[in-house]
Amino acid sequence: MGAAALPRRGVNTALVLTGVGSEHGLTPQACLAGTGMTPELLTDPMREIEAEQELGVIRNLLEALPHVPHLGLIAGRRYHFTTFGVWGLGLASSATLGDAVDYARRTLPGSFALCHWDFGLEGGLLRWRLTAEHLPAWARRFALERDAASIRTVQHQILGESIPFEALRTSFPQPENAAPYEEVFGPSLEFDSAHDEVLIAPEHCDRPLPQADPHTHRWCAQEAQRITARRSEAAVVTAVRRHIAHDLASVDLETVARAVALSPRTLRRRLNEHGASFRDLLEEARRSRALELLARRTPVADIAARLGYADSAAFNHAFKRWTGLSPRDMVRRG
């Protein structure tokens, strides 16, 4: 699944990234350029943004600050458990570290993660693996550094200390200066590995968290599940809408399914789970674009071609089904 299908996220992540840019001499406007966001938008704590907008901020940072190494590590250390709002409070109020990990796994869309997280077992140890192949190549290192550093930062904050890792591995090549990594992860980090992952002894999962509160955690879990459901729905539907809008003239279900790394059957099911269908989303996009083009006095034949209809008659029939009026009557109404 590509970046376009990642869940929406709270605007606070853009605020953190803009703060990193400001620390290195960038204006908020420079950090947000081309993302559709403004500094004023970042002040609304209820605002949600697309993952692609966050990636736009990251691209701006990387392009403007090529002389600053390890920007992902720098950013990751700015994400405290409070930065994540109710999701972070749910982590801190969990009974044990294991409960916090399970909560994170179930409610990941409530976070700002760009990487995919995979949990499993390896040789009797708990394995937590990050992958970023679904992201643009230029963003992968930043995302891996940022997400890993934020995990380490939050873990230290909710537990009060850093737990020892049985193994800590990264696919990054061995740098000339590993000090920035050691400052975040300690001296045991293994470079040039096949995966980006951490392994911990399962007994650490039983460690109680000092800020555990069952009442607060239940409330956070309910809110996080609600946010997860909403953002997960928005992710698949938003991705399909975006791909449809990109090529209305020839788009089809199979093409969009390939673009979001799902089979056509699975994509149909996912849309159906959220009360949508590919046909309905296509019709919605065509209707919206048709009204926009008619308002510009675009010839009907051109509109029909742009929307993928065989001829003007087919478009006229569809338009009357949508609005009860012919395109000509709609234009006359103004």
Foldseek 3Di string as FASTA:
>chain_A
DALLLQFWEWLLLLVLLLVLVVVVPDHSCLLQPPLPDDPVVSVDRVDIGGSVSSVSSVVSCCVVCVVDPLSLLVSLLSQELVSLPLLSVLLLQAFFNLRSVVLCVLLVSSGSQQWDWDWDDDPQWIKIFTDHPNYPPVCGVSRLNNVVLNVQNHVCVSAVHGDDFPAFEDCAADDPDCVSVCVRRNDRYHYNDPTGMTIHHVVRRGHTTPNHDVVSNVVSSVVSNVSSVVRSLCSLLSQLLVVCLVQLQDDDLCVSCVVVVHHSVVSQVSQVVVVHGSVRSLLVSLQVVLVVCLVVVNDLQVSCNRRRHPGSVVVQVSNCVVPVDGSVVVSVVD
